[in-house]
Amino acid sequence: MPLDGKSILYTNKFLPWEKFIGIKDAFPVKGHSIKSKLFSVPDCQKIIKKAVVDRLSELYNVKQFSEYGIKYQIEFFILNDKVTLMIDTSGESLHKRGYRKQGNLAPLRETLAAGMVNLSRPREGVILVDPMCGSGTICIEAALLITNTAPGINRSFVSEDFPFVPRTVWESVRQKAREAVVPAYTKIFGFDIDRSSVELARKNASEAGMSSYITFGVSDIKDFYSPVREARGTIVTNPPYGERMGDIQSARELLEIMGKVFSERVPNWQLYIISSDDELEHYYGRRSDKVRKLYNGMIKCGFFQFYKNKKN
């Protein structure tokens, strides 16, 4: 069947929407279309909404829906002319863990921070430090990871209100997640020059239930030393890029300071730095061992990894 408005309308009318959506429930539509003949999102929204309304109208014998009950967010995704239809069961995006009520000027997505920490390979006997911790996201995600704490354990999901999902399912899964938590096998430290950011990081860590695993403090990067004498350590950090905070020149001056301080004071530590600056290695003063390409929001970045303890 060719992809056009009529085909989507026809197909949607045969989907069993009544298994999920009651006569009083709300069912807004949103979505995306990429590399497809149907590229107008508003038009696709109208087509899908009409199809659902037509089917439910026939089954419920009503012409208009009040839509004041439970909200079932219908989402569509059209890629290369293939249509996927879904009902959102999460509500807030899954990268939002529920602990960060507010961030600083340029916070990392929690999922990105978790990925960065995971790539740094946290291990027993090696402390993990973010010397520019901002609102504490990297440190908190590290604590969640090393304690095997489910990242969404303290947040809610819209499907908790869906009548066809038993409340006991949620209670059982959360209980299993709590039972899976293990003791931390390493220490985590976060520092920032801005006192208000450090206070915010402490508050966020408390919301996440991770306060006991993280030590936060106010410190300028120029004054950085290992918080534990003669410790083996890993640095995972997100310094200002000069795109959303400050300017590129000050960001590069900061990279020069980082390169000097880390090479002199923690020369054998492994370093993991995310940045949108393609010239990071030049200003940092060392060639990275590996660079992974990724995005911080809409900003194309590199995740620069230094782990072979050498300086070029």
Protein backbone atom coordinates (compact mmCIF):
# COMPACT_ATOMS: atom_id res chain seq x y z
CA MET A 1 0.00 0.00 0.00
CA PRO A 2 1.49 3.41 -0.95
CA LEU A 3 2.24 5.80 1.89
CA ASP A 4 -0.27 8.63 1.76
CA GLY A 5 -2.92 10.18 3.95
CA LYS A 6 -5.62 7.74 2.85
CA SER A 7 -3.51 4.67 3.57
CA ILE A 8 -2.62 5.88 7.08
CA LEU A 9 -6.25 6.76 7.75
CA TYR A 10 -7.44 3.37 6.50
CA THR A 11 -4.86 1.38 8.49
CA ASN A 12 -5.40 3.32 11.71
CA LYS A 13 -9.11 2.68 11.67
CA PHE A 14 -8.40 -1.03 12.05
CA LEU A 15 -6.15 -0.69 15.10
CA PRO A 16 -7.85 -1.63 18.41
CA TRP A 17 -7.56 1.79 20.06
CA GLU A 18 -10.58 0.98 22.28
CA LYS A 19 -8.44 -1.53 24.22
CA PHE A 20 -6.59 1.44 25.68
CA ILE A 21 -8.65 4.61 25.22
CA GLY A 22 -11.95 5.01 27.04
CA ILE A 23 -14.88 7.20 26.02
CA LYS A 24 -13.77 10.03 28.37
CA ASP A 25 -10.02 9.75 27.89
CA ALA A 26 -7.71 12.22 26.14
CA PHE A 27 -5.67 11.11 23.13
CA PRO A 28 -3.56 13.94 21.65
CA VAL A 29 -1.23 13.12 18.76
CA LYS A 30 2.37 14.20 18.14
CA GLY A 31 5.31 12.82 16.23
CA HIS A 32 8.08 13.14 13.65
CA SER A 33 8.60 12.46 9.96
CA ILE A 34 12.05 11.93 8.46
CA LYS A 35 12.96 11.22 4.83
CA SER A 36 9.36 10.39 3.93
CA LYS A 37 6.73 11.41 1.39
CA LEU A 38 4.46 12.56 4.19
CA PHE A 39 6.67 15.22 5.75
CA SER A 40 4.14 17.66 7.24
CA VAL A 41 3.85 16.83 10.94
CA PRO A 42 0.63 18.87 11.46
CA ASP A 43 -1.03 17.06 8.54
CA CYS A 44 0.05 13.67 9.91
CA GLN A 45 -1.31 14.62 13.31
CA LYS A 46 -4.70 15.47 11.77
CA ILE A 47 -4.82 12.26 9.73
CA ILE A 48 -4.03 10.01 12.69
CA LYS A 49 -6.36 11.89 15.05
CA LYS A 50 -9.21 11.56 12.54
CA ALA A 51 -8.61 7.82 12.17
CA VAL A 52 -8.75 7.25 15.93
CA VAL A 53 -11.81 9.48 16.33
CA ASP A 54 -13.62 7.70 13.49
CA ARG A 55 -13.04 4.27 14.99
CA LEU A 56 -13.92 5.23 18.56
CA SER A 57 -16.98 7.21 17.41
CA GLU A 58 -18.40 4.12 15.77
CA LEU A 59 -17.69 1.88 18.76
CA TYR A 60 -18.80 4.33 21.48
CA ASN A 61 -21.63 5.81 19.42
CA VAL A 62 -20.58 9.40 20.08
CA LYS A 63 -19.71 12.25 17.73
CA GLN A 64 -17.52 14.33 20.06
CA PHE A 65 -15.08 13.37 22.79
CA SER A 66 -14.68 15.43 25.96
CA GLU A 67 -11.11 14.14 26.55
CA TYR A 68 -10.91 15.01 30.24
CA GLY A 69 -9.97 11.55 31.52
CA ILE A 70 -6.67 9.71 31.49
CA LYS A 71 -4.24 11.05 28.90
CA TYR A 72 -2.99 8.58 26.29
CA GLN A 73 -0.37 10.42 24.26
CA ILE A 74 -0.35 8.90 20.77
CA GLU A 75 3.01 9.25 19.03
CA PHE A 76 3.95 8.50 15.45
CA PHE A 77 7.35 8.15 13.85
CA ILE A 78 7.70 8.04 10.08
CA LEU A 79 11.13 7.09 8.74
CA ASN A 80 11.78 6.26 5.09
CA ASP A 81 8.01 5.94 4.53
CA LYS A 82 7.59 3.39 7.33
CA VAL A 83 5.09 4.41 10.01
CA THR A 84 5.31 3.39 13.66
CA LEU A 85 2.46 4.22 16.04
CA MET A 86 2.84 4.19 19.81
CA ILE A 87 1.17 5.20 23.05
CA ASP A 88 3.62 6.96 25.36
CA THR A 89 3.99 5.05 28.63
CA SER A 90 6.67 7.27 30.18
CA GLY A 91 5.43 10.87 30.16
CA GLU A 92 8.56 12.84 30.95
CA SER A 93 11.43 11.79 28.68
CA LEU A 94 13.35 8.81 30.00
CA HIS A 95 16.56 10.81 30.25
CA LYS A 96 14.91 12.71 33.10
CA ARG A 97 15.60 10.58 36.15
CA GLY A 98 13.50 12.67 38.52
CA TYR A 99 16.28 13.95 40.77
CA ARG A 100 17.27 17.10 38.89
CA LYS A 101 14.52 19.63 39.56
CA GLN A 102 16.76 22.31 38.09
CA GLY A 103 20.19 22.47 36.48
CA ASN A 104 22.84 25.09 35.91
CA LEU A 105 23.18 27.03 32.64
CA ALA A 106 24.29 24.09 30.50
CA PRO A 107 23.48 20.76 32.16
CA LEU A 108 24.25 17.44 30.50
CA ARG A 109 21.40 15.09 29.78
CA GLU A 110 21.42 12.43 32.45
CA THR A 111 21.63 9.64 29.86
CA LEU A 112 24.66 11.26 28.20
CA ALA A 113 26.39 11.62 31.56
CA ALA A 114 25.65 7.96 32.33
CA GLY A 115 27.13 6.92 28.99
CA MET A 116 30.27 8.95 29.63
CA VAL A 117 30.74 7.37 33.05
CA ASN A 118 30.17 3.90 31.65
CA LEU A 119 32.83 4.47 28.96
CA SER A 120 35.29 5.53 31.67
CA ARG A 121 35.00 2.00 33.16
CA PRO A 122 34.55 2.72 36.89
CA ARG A 123 36.33 0.07 38.96
CA GLU A 124 37.19 -0.78 42.51
CA GLY A 125 40.10 1.09 44.02
CA VAL A 126 39.99 3.93 41.46
CA ILE A 127 38.28 7.14 42.59
CA LEU A 128 36.13 9.06 40.12
CA VAL A 129 36.32 12.87 40.03
CA ASP A 130 34.50 15.62 38.14
CA PRO A 131 36.50 18.83 38.83
CA MET A 132 33.87 21.01 37.09
CA CYS A 133 30.76 19.26 38.31
CA GLY A 134 28.13 21.99 37.80
CA SER A 135 24.81 20.62 39.04
CA GLY A 136 26.39 17.24 39.77
CA THR A 137 24.96 15.12 36.96
CA ILE A 138 28.12 13.14 36.15
CA CYS A 139 28.79 12.36 39.82
CA ILE A 140 25.20 11.33 40.47
CA GLU A 141 25.06 9.09 37.41
CA ALA A 142 28.36 7.53 38.50
CA ALA A 143 26.90 6.79 41.93
CA LEU A 144 23.78 5.26 40.38
CA LEU A 145 25.97 3.09 38.16
CA ILE A 146 28.38 1.78 40.78
CA THR A 147 25.55 0.99 43.22
CA ASN A 148 23.46 -0.67 40.50
CA THR A 149 20.61 1.69 41.31
CA ALA A 150 17.90 1.81 38.66
CA PRO A 151 18.07 5.36 37.20
CA GLY A 152 14.30 5.87 37.21
CA ILE A 153 13.64 4.38 40.61
CA ASN A 154 12.55 7.71 42.13
CA ARG A 155 10.46 9.02 39.24
CA SER A 156 6.90 8.35 38.12
CA PHE A 157 5.54 7.24 34.74
CA VAL A 158 2.24 8.21 33.13
CA SER A 159 1.35 4.54 32.60
CA GLU A 160 1.05 4.15 36.37
CA ASP A 161 -2.41 5.67 35.84
CA PHE A 162 -3.36 3.26 33.05
CA PRO A 163 -6.10 0.96 34.40
CA PHE A 164 -4.92 -2.02 32.34
CA VAL A 165 -1.48 -1.99 34.07
CA PRO A 166 -1.95 -3.45 37.57
CA ARG A 167 -0.56 -1.37 40.42
CA THR A 168 1.12 -4.51 41.75
CA VAL A 169 3.33 -4.62 38.65
CA TRP A 170 4.88 -1.26 39.50
CA GLU A 171 5.28 -2.16 43.17
CA SER A 172 6.94 -5.47 42.30
CA VAL A 173 9.38 -3.96 39.80
CA ARG A 174 10.37 -1.15 42.17
CA GLN A 175 10.92 -3.62 44.99
CA LYS A 176 13.17 -5.76 42.78
CA ALA A 177 15.12 -2.65 41.79
CA ARG A 178 15.66 -1.71 45.44
CA GLU A 179 16.82 -5.24 46.26
CA ALA A 180 19.34 -5.08 43.39
CA VAL A 181 21.22 -2.09 44.88
CA VAL A 182 24.76 -2.95 45.99
CA PRO A 183 27.35 -1.11 48.15
CA ALA A 184 29.54 1.43 46.35
CA TYR A 185 32.94 0.04 45.36
CA THR A 186 34.72 3.37 44.87
CA LYS A 187 34.61 6.99 46.00
CA ILE A 188 33.19 9.85 43.94
CA PHE A 189 34.13 13.54 44.17
CA GLY A 190 32.72 16.65 42.52
CA PHE A 191 34.17 20.17 42.58
CA ASP A 192 33.17 23.48 41.06
CA ILE A 193 34.35 27.08 41.35
CA ASP A 194 30.75 28.27 41.75
CA ARG A 195 29.39 27.79 45.26
CA SER A 196 25.75 27.92 44.15
CA SER A 197 26.40 25.11 41.63
CA VAL A 198 27.92 22.97 44.37
CA GLU A 199 24.92 23.56 46.61
CA LEU A 200 22.64 22.61 43.71
CA ALA A 201 24.70 19.46 43.10
CA ARG A 202 24.31 18.47 46.75
CA LYS A 203 20.58 19.02 46.55
CA ASN A 204 20.28 16.95 43.37
CA ALA A 205 22.36 14.14 44.90
CA SER A 206 20.03 14.14 47.90
CA GLU A 207 16.99 13.90 45.62
CA ALA A 208 18.61 10.94 43.88
CA GLY A 209 19.42 9.26 47.20
CA MET A 210 23.13 9.34 46.34
CA SER A 211 24.43 11.86 48.89
CA SER A 212 26.31 9.28 50.95
CA TYR A 213 28.40 8.22 47.95
CA ILE A 214 29.55 11.65 46.71
CA THR A 215 31.74 14.32 48.27
CA PHE A 216 31.21 17.80 46.80
CA GLY A 217 33.37 20.86 47.35
CA VAL A 218 34.08 24.39 46.10
CA SER A 219 37.37 24.60 44.22
CA ASP A 220 38.95 26.34 41.23
CA ILE A 221 40.42 24.03 38.59
CA LYS A 222 43.76 25.83 39.08
CA ASP A 223 43.83 24.48 42.65
CA PHE A 224 42.99 20.91 41.72
CA TYR A 225 44.78 18.06 43.50
CA SER A 226 43.75 14.48 44.09
CA PRO A 227 41.20 14.52 46.96
CA VAL A 228 42.72 11.25 48.20
CA ARG A 229 46.48 11.14 48.63
CA GLU A 230 48.30 8.79 46.23
CA ALA A 231 45.00 7.49 44.87
CA ARG A 232 44.47 6.05 41.44
CA GLY A 233 41.80 8.10 39.73
CA THR A 234 39.62 8.79 36.72
CA ILE A 235 38.41 12.23 35.69
CA VAL A 236 35.14 12.53 33.78
CA THR A 237 34.11 16.11 33.08
CA ASN A 238 32.15 18.53 30.93
CA PRO A 239 34.05 21.85 30.80
CA PRO A 240 32.42 24.97 29.26
CA TYR A 241 32.51 24.88 25.45
CA GLY A 242 32.20 28.59 24.74
CA GLU A 243 28.93 27.98 22.86
CA ARG A 244 26.29 28.18 25.57
CA MET A 245 28.43 29.49 28.43
CA GLY A 246 31.15 32.15 28.19
CA ASP A 247 33.19 32.44 25.00
CA ILE A 248 35.48 30.20 23.01
CA GLN A 249 38.66 32.03 24.05
CA SER A 250 38.02 31.63 27.77
CA ALA A 251 37.04 27.99 27.18
CA ARG A 252 40.37 27.35 25.45
CA GLU A 253 42.28 29.09 28.22
CA LEU A 254 40.54 26.73 30.61
CA LEU A 255 41.67 23.74 28.52
CA GLU A 256 45.27 24.97 28.76
CA ILE A 257 44.95 25.18 32.54
CA MET A 258 43.43 21.69 32.68
CA GLY A 259 46.26 20.24 30.58
CA LYS A 260 48.93 21.77 32.80
CA VAL A 261 47.27 20.93 36.12
CA PHE A 262 46.36 17.34 35.28
CA SER A 263 49.73 16.49 33.70
CA GLU A 264 51.62 17.86 36.71
CA ARG A 265 49.42 16.71 39.60
CA VAL A 266 47.69 13.52 38.43
CA PRO A 267 49.89 12.38 35.50
CA ASN A 268 48.84 8.73 35.69
CA TRP A 269 45.10 9.28 35.91
CA GLN A 270 42.74 8.47 33.07
CA LEU A 271 40.85 11.44 31.64
CA TYR A 272 37.52 11.65 29.80
CA ILE A 273 36.47 15.08 28.53
CA ILE A 274 33.46 16.03 26.43
CA SER A 275 33.80 19.14 24.25
CA SER A 276 32.54 20.66 21.02
CA ASP A 277 35.96 22.20 20.34
CA ASP A 278 37.75 20.31 17.54
CA GLU A 279 40.97 21.97 18.71
CA LEU A 280 40.76 20.54 22.24
CA GLU A 281 43.90 18.42 21.88
CA HIS A 282 45.92 21.43 20.71
CA TYR A 283 44.91 23.62 23.64
CA TYR A 284 44.95 20.80 26.17
CA GLY A 285 48.48 19.99 25.05
CA ARG A 286 48.11 16.27 24.47
CA ARG A 287 46.79 13.96 21.78
CA SER A 288 43.89 11.81 22.94
CA ASP A 289 43.97 8.03 22.71
CA LYS A 290 40.44 7.93 21.32
CA VAL A 291 37.67 10.35 20.34
CA ARG A 292 34.03 9.28 20.18
CA LYS A 293 31.62 11.45 18.23
CA LEU A 294 28.37 12.23 20.02
CA TYR A 295 25.84 15.01 20.62
CA ASN A 296 25.19 17.05 23.74
CA GLY A 297 21.65 18.14 22.91
CA MET A 298 22.01 19.69 19.45
CA ILE A 299 25.73 20.37 19.85
CA LYS A 300 28.08 18.01 18.01
CA CYS A 301 30.85 17.00 20.40
CA GLY A 302 33.82 14.74 20.83
CA PHE A 303 34.37 12.57 23.88
CA PHE A 304 38.14 12.79 24.24
CA GLN A 305 39.67 9.84 26.07
CA PHE A 306 43.16 9.84 27.55
CA TYR A 307 44.13 6.54 29.16
CA LYS A 308 47.59 5.43 28.01
CA ASN A 309 49.46 7.75 30.34
CA LYS A 310 51.54 9.38 27.66
CA LYS A 311 52.09 12.95 26.54
CA ASN A 312 52.77 13.83 22.91
